[in-house]
N, C-alpha and C. Protein backbone atom coordinates (compact mmCIF):
# COMPACT_ATOMS: atom_id res chain seq x y z
N MET A 1 -59.09 66.47 58.59
CA MET A 1 -59.23 67.14 57.93
C MET A 1 -60.56 67.39 57.49
N PRO A 2 -61.46 68.45 57.78
CA PRO A 2 -62.91 68.22 57.95
C PRO A 2 -63.39 68.03 57.26
N ALA A 3 -62.06 69.19 55.94
CA ALA A 3 -62.90 68.80 54.24
C ALA A 3 -63.35 67.57 53.71
N ILE A 4 -62.41 66.91 54.44
CA ILE A 4 -62.69 65.46 53.82
C ILE A 4 -63.17 64.51 54.78
N PHE A 5 -63.05 64.73 55.42
CA PHE A 5 -64.69 64.17 55.99
C PHE A 5 -66.01 64.15 56.33
N CYS A 6 -66.22 65.33 56.49
CA CYS A 6 -67.46 65.80 56.25
C CYS A 6 -67.68 65.25 55.02
N GLY A 7 -66.75 65.78 53.26
CA GLY A 7 -67.45 65.43 51.84
C GLY A 7 -67.21 63.75 51.51
N GLY A 8 -66.84 63.01 53.07
CA GLY A 8 -67.04 61.81 52.38
C GLY A 8 -68.07 61.07 52.90
N LEU A 9 -68.80 62.18 54.03
CA LEU A 9 -69.76 60.96 55.02
C LEU A 9 -70.47 61.57 54.31
N ILE A 10 -71.33 63.09 53.74
CA ILE A 10 -71.92 63.51 52.95
C ILE A 10 -72.25 62.67 52.57
N ALA A 11 -70.94 61.83 51.44
CA ALA A 11 -71.33 62.11 50.00
C ALA A 11 -71.15 60.66 50.60
N GLY A 12 -70.19 59.51 50.91
CA GLY A 12 -71.37 57.82 51.36
C GLY A 12 -72.28 58.04 52.00
N ALA A 13 -73.33 59.15 52.77
CA ALA A 13 -73.98 58.82 53.25
C ALA A 13 -75.57 59.31 52.02
N LEU A 14 -75.77 59.75 51.53
CA LEU A 14 -75.92 60.29 49.96
C LEU A 14 -76.14 58.99 49.21
N ASP A 15 -75.33 57.95 48.77
CA ASP A 15 -75.00 57.65 48.22
C ASP A 15 -75.76 56.45 48.78
N ILE A 16 -75.41 55.77 49.54
CA ILE A 16 -75.73 54.86 50.43
C ILE A 16 -77.10 54.86 50.28
N THR A 17 -77.72 55.80 50.99
CA THR A 17 -79.67 55.70 51.04
C THR A 17 -79.97 55.86 49.71
N TYR A 18 -79.08 56.54 48.81
CA TYR A 18 -79.30 56.38 47.33
C TYR A 18 -79.56 54.37 46.79
N ALA A 19 -79.10 54.04 47.29
CA ALA A 19 -78.52 52.50 47.07
C ALA A 19 -79.44 51.49 47.89
N CYS A 20 -79.94 52.05 48.90
CA CYS A 20 -80.94 51.27 49.51
C CYS A 20 -81.89 51.34 48.81
N ALA A 21 -82.09 53.14 48.81
CA ALA A 21 -83.78 52.59 48.72
C ALA A 21 -84.11 52.51 47.12
N GLU A 22 -82.70 52.51 46.28
CA GLU A 22 -83.14 51.90 45.02
C GLU A 22 -83.00 49.92 45.08
N GLY A 23 -82.61 49.52 45.56
CA GLY A 23 -82.61 47.78 47.03
C GLY A 23 -84.18 47.71 47.10
N LEU A 24 -84.46 48.63 48.33
CA LEU A 24 -86.07 48.23 48.67
C LEU A 24 -87.17 48.07 47.21
N VAL A 25 -87.07 49.22 46.16
CA VAL A 25 -87.41 48.82 45.17
C VAL A 25 -87.60 48.21 44.73
N ALA A 26 -86.63 47.74 44.54
CA ALA A 26 -86.09 45.94 43.67
C ALA A 26 -86.55 44.78 44.63
N GLY A 27 -87.24 45.65 45.45
CA GLY A 27 -87.44 44.23 46.49
C GLY A 27 -86.10 43.55 47.49
N ARG A 28 -85.00 44.04 47.45
CA ARG A 28 -83.78 44.01 48.45
C ARG A 28 -84.32 44.10 49.59
N ALA A 29 -83.79 43.59 50.24
CA ALA A 29 -83.57 43.65 51.61
C ALA A 29 -82.07 44.95 51.82
N VAL A 30 -82.34 45.89 52.79
CA VAL A 30 -81.14 46.54 53.01
C VAL A 30 -79.68 45.99 53.38
N PRO A 31 -80.27 44.52 53.92
CA PRO A 31 -78.38 44.21 54.42
C PRO A 31 -78.10 43.09 53.53
N ARG A 32 -78.73 43.32 51.96
CA ARG A 32 -78.40 42.86 50.99
C ARG A 32 -77.39 43.67 50.23
N THR A 33 -77.51 44.46 49.96
CA THR A 33 -77.13 46.14 49.25
C THR A 33 -76.56 46.57 50.46
N LEU A 34 -76.38 46.20 51.64
CA LEU A 34 -75.02 46.66 52.49
C LEU A 34 -73.64 45.09 52.41
N GLN A 35 -74.07 44.04 52.17
CA GLN A 35 -73.39 42.72 51.40
C GLN A 35 -72.97 42.37 50.57
N SER A 36 -73.76 43.49 49.45
CA SER A 36 -72.72 43.24 48.13
C SER A 36 -72.21 43.98 47.93
N VAL A 37 -71.41 45.40 49.12
CA VAL A 37 -70.94 46.13 49.05
C VAL A 37 -69.56 45.24 49.94
N ALA A 38 -69.87 44.51 50.16
CA ALA A 38 -68.86 43.82 51.99
C ALA A 38 -68.53 41.88 50.39
N SER A 39 -68.80 42.40 49.62
CA SER A 39 -68.84 41.47 48.59
C SER A 39 -67.80 40.76 47.79
N GLY A 40 -66.88 42.36 47.53
CA GLY A 40 -66.23 43.24 47.37
C GLY A 40 -64.60 42.48 47.37
N LEU A 41 -64.48 43.05 49.00
CA LEU A 41 -64.06 41.86 49.78
C LEU A 41 -63.17 40.47 49.44
N LEU A 42 -65.22 40.04 50.55
CA LEU A 42 -65.37 38.39 50.31
C LEU A 42 -66.13 37.89 49.83
N GLY A 43 -66.41 38.68 48.55
CA GLY A 43 -67.42 36.82 47.73
C GLY A 43 -68.50 36.58 47.55
N ARG A 44 -68.58 36.13 47.24
CA ARG A 44 -70.16 35.40 47.88
C ARG A 44 -70.24 34.79 48.77
N ALA A 45 -69.47 35.15 49.45
CA ALA A 45 -69.55 34.70 51.35
C ALA A 45 -69.97 35.43 51.55
N ALA A 46 -70.18 36.94 51.12
CA ALA A 46 -70.85 37.68 51.55
C ALA A 46 -71.90 38.17 51.91
N PHE A 47 -72.69 37.56 50.99
CA PHE A 47 -73.95 37.36 50.55
C PHE A 47 -75.22 36.03 51.96
N GLU A 48 -73.77 35.09 52.39
CA GLU A 48 -74.21 34.69 53.66
C GLU A 48 -73.37 34.74 55.32
N GLY A 49 -72.92 35.83 55.18
CA GLY A 49 -72.26 36.64 56.54
C GLY A 49 -73.79 36.90 57.61
N GLY A 50 -74.99 37.72 56.66
CA GLY A 50 -75.90 38.32 57.85
C GLY A 50 -75.07 39.73 58.35
N TRP A 51 -75.91 40.43 58.92
CA TRP A 51 -75.39 41.82 59.80
C TRP A 51 -74.40 42.43 59.59
N GLY A 52 -73.71 40.89 60.20
CA GLY A 52 -71.74 40.67 60.38
C GLY A 52 -71.97 41.18 58.89
N ALA A 53 -71.68 41.26 57.81
CA ALA A 53 -71.12 40.98 56.80
C ALA A 53 -71.69 42.56 55.73
N ALA A 54 -73.58 42.74 56.57
CA ALA A 54 -73.81 43.82 56.09
C ALA A 54 -73.24 45.11 56.71
N LEU A 55 -72.78 44.95 57.92
CA LEU A 55 -72.27 46.27 58.65
C LEU A 55 -70.18 46.43 58.20
N LEU A 56 -69.65 45.64 57.88
CA LEU A 56 -68.69 45.05 56.82
C LEU A 56 -68.64 46.20 56.20
N GLY A 57 -69.93 45.61 54.80
CA GLY A 57 -69.78 46.16 53.90
C GLY A 57 -70.02 47.92 54.02
N LEU A 58 -70.95 48.88 55.30
CA LEU A 58 -71.24 50.22 55.60
C LEU A 58 -69.70 50.36 55.48
N ALA A 59 -69.59 49.82 56.52
CA ALA A 59 -68.29 50.59 56.88
C ALA A 59 -66.80 50.65 55.34
N LEU A 60 -66.90 49.40 55.31
CA LEU A 60 -66.20 49.52 53.39
C LEU A 60 -66.55 50.92 52.07
N HIS A 61 -67.52 51.07 52.70
CA HIS A 61 -68.14 52.10 51.98
C HIS A 61 -67.86 53.64 52.18
N PHE A 62 -68.39 53.79 53.22
CA PHE A 62 -67.75 54.82 53.75
C PHE A 62 -66.11 55.04 54.22
N PHE A 63 -65.72 54.09 53.73
CA PHE A 63 -63.88 54.40 53.47
C PHE A 63 -63.40 54.64 51.82
N ILE A 64 -64.32 53.48 51.70
CA ILE A 64 -64.74 53.62 49.88
C ILE A 64 -64.76 55.66 49.43
N ALA A 65 -65.61 56.47 50.24
CA ALA A 65 -66.21 57.79 50.26
C ALA A 65 -65.15 58.85 51.15
N VAL A 66 -64.13 57.82 51.69
CA VAL A 66 -63.80 59.90 52.48
C VAL A 66 -62.06 59.55 51.36
N CYS A 67 -62.09 57.87 51.26
CA CYS A 67 -60.97 57.72 50.11
C CYS A 67 -61.15 58.14 49.16
N SER A 68 -62.16 59.05 48.50
CA SER A 68 -62.74 59.72 47.18
C SER A 68 -62.63 60.93 47.13
N ALA A 69 -62.77 61.52 48.88
CA ALA A 69 -62.21 62.40 49.43
C ALA A 69 -61.33 62.54 48.99
N THR A 70 -60.42 61.87 50.00
CA THR A 70 -59.17 62.48 50.29
C THR A 70 -58.34 62.89 48.31
N VAL A 71 -58.52 61.82 47.52
CA VAL A 71 -57.89 61.88 46.72
C VAL A 71 -58.81 63.41 46.62
N TYR A 72 -59.72 64.28 46.37
CA TYR A 72 -60.42 65.20 45.39
C TYR A 72 -59.88 66.29 46.59
N TYR A 73 -59.49 66.17 47.36
CA TYR A 73 -59.01 67.39 48.48
C TYR A 73 -57.39 66.65 47.64
N ALA A 74 -56.34 66.35 48.08
CA ALA A 74 -54.92 66.26 47.65
C ALA A 74 -55.07 67.05 45.75
N ALA A 75 -55.43 66.26 45.47
CA ALA A 75 -55.27 66.84 43.73
C ALA A 75 -56.00 68.56 44.13
N SER A 76 -56.70 69.14 44.88
CA SER A 76 -56.93 70.15 45.16
C SER A 76 -55.81 71.28 45.54
N ARG A 77 -55.49 70.91 46.47
CA ARG A 77 -53.94 71.37 46.39
C ARG A 77 -53.10 71.95 45.06
N TRP A 78 -52.60 70.85 44.79
CA TRP A 78 -52.30 71.28 42.76
C TRP A 78 -53.35 71.96 41.89
N VAL A 79 -54.37 71.92 41.41
CA VAL A 79 -55.59 72.50 40.80
C VAL A 79 -55.82 73.34 41.14
N SER A 80 -56.03 74.27 40.44
CA SER A 80 -57.14 74.98 42.07
C SER A 80 -58.09 74.97 41.53
N ILE A 81 -58.24 74.99 40.28
CA ILE A 81 -59.45 75.16 39.84
C ILE A 81 -60.44 74.19 40.25
N LEU A 82 -60.15 72.88 41.18
CA LEU A 82 -60.66 72.09 41.43
C LEU A 82 -61.96 73.04 43.05
N VAL A 83 -60.97 73.81 43.96
CA VAL A 83 -61.98 74.22 44.49
C VAL A 83 -62.35 75.86 43.64
N GLN A 84 -61.86 75.52 43.02
CA GLN A 84 -62.29 77.33 43.12
C GLN A 84 -63.74 77.26 41.78
N ARG A 85 -63.70 76.18 41.40
CA ARG A 85 -65.50 76.05 40.91
C ARG A 85 -65.40 74.36 40.85
N PRO A 86 -65.83 74.68 42.07
CA PRO A 86 -66.84 73.37 42.70
C PRO A 86 -67.69 72.28 41.21
N TRP A 87 -68.35 73.02 41.59
CA TRP A 87 -69.43 72.54 40.77
C TRP A 87 -69.47 71.68 39.43
N ILE A 88 -68.32 72.29 39.01
CA ILE A 88 -67.89 71.44 37.64
C ILE A 88 -67.06 70.70 37.97
N SER A 89 -66.15 71.40 38.57
CA SER A 89 -65.20 70.52 38.96
C SER A 89 -65.79 68.40 39.80
N GLY A 90 -66.83 68.98 40.58
CA GLY A 90 -67.32 67.78 41.33
C GLY A 90 -68.39 67.01 40.37
N LEU A 91 -68.19 67.58 39.64
CA LEU A 91 -69.45 67.14 39.02
C LEU A 91 -69.16 65.90 37.97
N LEU A 92 -67.63 66.38 37.24
CA LEU A 92 -66.92 65.20 36.87
C LEU A 92 -66.12 64.86 37.55
N PHE A 93 -65.47 65.15 38.83
CA PHE A 93 -64.77 63.82 39.47
C PHE A 93 -65.56 62.98 40.00
N GLY A 94 -67.39 63.23 40.25
CA GLY A 94 -67.86 62.49 40.61
C GLY A 94 -68.29 61.54 39.33
N ALA A 95 -67.89 61.76 37.78
CA ALA A 95 -68.54 60.67 36.26
C ALA A 95 -67.46 59.23 36.60
N LEU A 96 -65.83 60.68 37.34
CA LEU A 96 -64.87 59.45 37.26
C LEU A 96 -64.87 58.79 38.45
N VAL A 97 -65.47 59.36 39.32
CA VAL A 97 -65.22 58.35 40.44
C VAL A 97 -66.19 56.99 39.93
N TYR A 98 -67.06 57.41 38.84
CA TYR A 98 -68.05 56.08 38.18
C TYR A 98 -67.56 55.31 37.35
N LEU A 99 -66.87 56.00 36.81
CA LEU A 99 -65.90 55.09 35.61
C LEU A 99 -64.82 54.49 36.17
N PHE A 100 -64.46 54.68 37.12
CA PHE A 100 -62.52 54.18 38.29
C PHE A 100 -63.57 52.91 38.62
N MET A 101 -64.23 53.08 39.21
CA MET A 101 -65.37 52.60 40.19
C MET A 101 -65.17 51.17 39.40
N SER A 102 -66.76 51.42 38.94
CA SER A 102 -67.00 50.51 37.15
C SER A 102 -66.36 49.66 36.50
N LEU A 103 -64.98 50.36 35.72
CA LEU A 103 -64.04 49.71 34.91
C LEU A 103 -63.49 48.96 35.55
N ILE A 104 -62.83 49.34 36.99
CA ILE A 104 -61.55 49.34 37.55
C ILE A 104 -61.11 48.11 38.98
N VAL A 105 -62.20 49.34 40.05
CA VAL A 105 -62.79 48.40 41.35
C VAL A 105 -63.83 47.45 41.18
N VAL A 106 -64.73 47.63 40.74
CA VAL A 106 -65.72 46.12 40.64
C VAL A 106 -64.89 45.19 39.56
N PRO A 107 -64.65 45.20 38.80
CA PRO A 107 -63.93 44.01 38.24
C PRO A 107 -62.24 43.79 38.69
N LEU A 108 -61.58 44.28 39.33
CA LEU A 108 -60.05 43.77 40.43
C LEU A 108 -61.37 43.15 41.55
N SER A 109 -62.31 43.30 42.35
CA SER A 109 -62.70 42.40 43.35
C SER A 109 -62.91 41.82 43.48
N ALA A 110 -63.43 40.65 44.54
CA ALA A 110 -64.31 39.29 44.13
C ALA A 110 -66.00 40.27 44.54
N ALA A 111 -66.24 41.02 43.87
CA ALA A 111 -67.84 40.65 43.98
C ALA A 111 -68.15 39.86 42.75
N PRO A 112 -69.00 39.61 43.26
CA PRO A 112 -69.36 38.04 42.00
C PRO A 112 -70.42 39.01 41.04
N PHE A 113 -70.33 40.38 40.31
CA PHE A 113 -70.90 40.73 39.59
C PHE A 113 -69.77 41.97 39.19
N ARG A 114 -70.60 42.47 37.72
CA ARG A 114 -69.88 43.28 37.77
C ARG A 114 -71.49 44.83 37.86
N ILE A 115 -70.70 45.73 37.20
CA ILE A 115 -71.54 46.68 37.46
C ILE A 115 -71.52 47.38 35.69
N ARG A 116 -72.91 47.62 35.17
CA ARG A 116 -73.10 47.47 34.05
C ARG A 116 -73.34 49.69 33.96
N LEU A 117 -72.12 50.65 32.38
CA LEU A 117 -72.19 52.03 32.88
C LEU A 117 -73.64 52.12 32.15
N GLN A 118 -74.68 52.54 33.55
CA GLN A 118 -75.83 53.45 33.12
C GLN A 118 -76.37 54.98 33.70
N ILE A 119 -76.96 55.69 33.11
CA ILE A 119 -76.45 57.07 33.38
C ILE A 119 -77.71 57.14 34.22
N PRO A 120 -78.60 56.70 34.93
CA PRO A 120 -78.73 56.78 36.13
C PRO A 120 -78.13 56.66 37.32
N GLY A 121 -77.23 56.09 37.53
CA GLY A 121 -75.40 55.36 38.16
C GLY A 121 -74.57 56.90 37.97
N LEU A 122 -74.65 57.03 36.79
CA LEU A 122 -73.94 58.14 36.71
C LEU A 122 -74.59 59.48 37.56
N LEU A 123 -75.36 59.88 37.18
CA LEU A 123 -75.68 60.81 37.61
C LEU A 123 -75.64 61.16 39.46
N VAL A 124 -75.45 59.53 40.43
CA VAL A 124 -76.12 60.03 41.05
C VAL A 124 -74.98 59.42 42.04
N HIS A 125 -73.47 58.58 41.13
CA HIS A 125 -72.40 59.27 41.08
C HIS A 125 -71.40 60.73 41.64
N MET A 126 -72.25 61.72 40.58
CA MET A 126 -71.87 63.18 40.37
C MET A 126 -72.28 63.40 40.72
N PHE A 127 -73.63 63.80 41.24
CA PHE A 127 -74.50 64.72 42.82
C PHE A 127 -74.25 64.30 43.88
N PHE A 128 -74.03 63.09 43.79
CA PHE A 128 -73.98 62.69 45.86
C PHE A 128 -72.76 62.37 45.88
N ILE A 129 -72.26 62.07 45.32
CA ILE A 129 -70.66 61.52 45.73
C ILE A 129 -69.73 63.12 44.98
N GLY A 130 -69.66 63.82 43.27
CA GLY A 130 -68.93 64.41 43.02
C GLY A 130 -69.03 66.08 43.43
N LEU A 131 -69.94 65.90 43.97
CA LEU A 131 -70.33 67.53 44.27
C LEU A 131 -70.72 67.76 45.43
N PRO A 132 -70.96 66.34 46.97
CA PRO A 132 -70.49 66.94 48.25
C PRO A 132 -69.17 66.41 48.31
N ILE A 133 -68.71 66.57 48.06
CA ILE A 133 -66.76 66.12 48.54
C ILE A 133 -65.80 67.49 47.54
N ALA A 134 -66.76 68.28 46.36
CA ALA A 134 -66.15 69.73 45.79
C ALA A 134 -66.48 70.24 46.37
N LEU A 135 -67.64 70.46 46.90
CA LEU A 135 -68.45 71.35 47.58
C LEU A 135 -67.93 71.83 48.67
N SER A 136 -67.45 70.33 49.93
CA SER A 136 -66.94 70.74 51.29
C SER A 136 -65.02 70.91 51.13
N VAL A 137 -65.01 70.88 50.24
CA VAL A 137 -63.23 70.99 49.91
C VAL A 137 -63.47 72.69 49.27
N HIS A 138 -64.13 73.53 49.16
CA HIS A 138 -64.44 74.69 48.43
C HIS A 138 -64.65 75.41 49.35
N ARG A 139 -66.07 74.83 50.32
CA ARG A 139 -66.36 75.44 51.58
C ARG A 139 -64.72 76.07 52.85
N PHE A 140 -64.27 74.00 53.35
CA PHE A 140 -63.14 74.50 53.96
C PHE A 140 -61.80 74.97 53.27
N SER A 141 -61.21 75.59 52.75
CA SER A 141 -60.41 75.53 51.62
C SER A 141 -60.79 76.81 51.81
N LYS A 142 -62.24 77.85 51.27
CA LYS A 142 -62.01 79.52 52.51
C LYS A 142 -61.90 79.41 53.71
N SER A 143 -62.35 78.31 54.55
CA SER A 143 -62.56 78.82 55.76
C SER A 143 -60.58 79.00 56.29
N MET A 144 -60.15 77.89 55.77
CA MET A 144 -58.49 77.86 56.05
C MET A 144 -57.97 78.68 55.92
N ALA A 145 -58.06 79.31 54.51
CA ALA A 145 -57.20 81.13 53.79
C ALA A 145 -58.16 81.88 54.41
N LEU A 146 -59.39 81.95 54.93
CA LEU A 146 -59.75 83.05 55.82
C LEU A 146 -58.59 82.99 57.04
N ALA A 147 -58.70 82.12 57.91
CA ALA A 147 -58.04 82.16 58.90
C ALA A 147 -56.59 82.15 58.53
N ARG A 148 -56.09 81.84 57.69
CA ARG A 148 -54.89 81.76 56.88
C ARG A 148 -54.56 83.38 56.88
N ASP A 149 -55.17 84.38 56.49
CA ASP A 149 -55.41 85.32 55.95
C ASP A 149 -55.61 86.56 57.44
N THR A 150 -56.27 85.34 58.71
CA THR A 150 -57.09 86.49 59.44
C THR A 150 -55.22 86.00 60.75
N ASN A 151 -55.05 85.21 60.13
CA ASN A 151 -53.64 85.11 61.31
C ASN A 151 -52.13 85.96 60.82
N THR A 152 -52.36 86.08 59.79
CA THR A 152 -51.06 86.87 59.52
C THR A 152 -50.47 88.42 60.01
N PRO A 153 -49.84 88.61 60.42
CA PRO A 153 -50.17 90.13 61.32
C PRO A 153 -49.15 91.27 60.21
């Protein structure tokens, strides 16, 4: 599904780029930022895992982004407004992803920290995760509909 992979990869790239840049400004090296993602699975051991844990964190990050795109795509097959109004739907979806990750996923994970709800994090999820996913689903849904219409006798 091009909509899922394109949306997930773009959202994942934008989000991890922001997270690494924010970490660098705060004095954290890029591997440490990536290890923090891996800590959801490995706990504190992720911070002693070197580049192996950092690469695991990167892979997990993109896995989560593609899963988010899969959820949006699946929902869009049932709720047409998700395809018809990608700007509003994408921003709302990004906010829901932020709340879900912050309030459910991270607290239930092995991560040795919690995410404080903050406006910058919310905006990043809205514009860098929800919106690219929604626009990808919108774009590829239109091209699939066009291909379907041109193949009909």
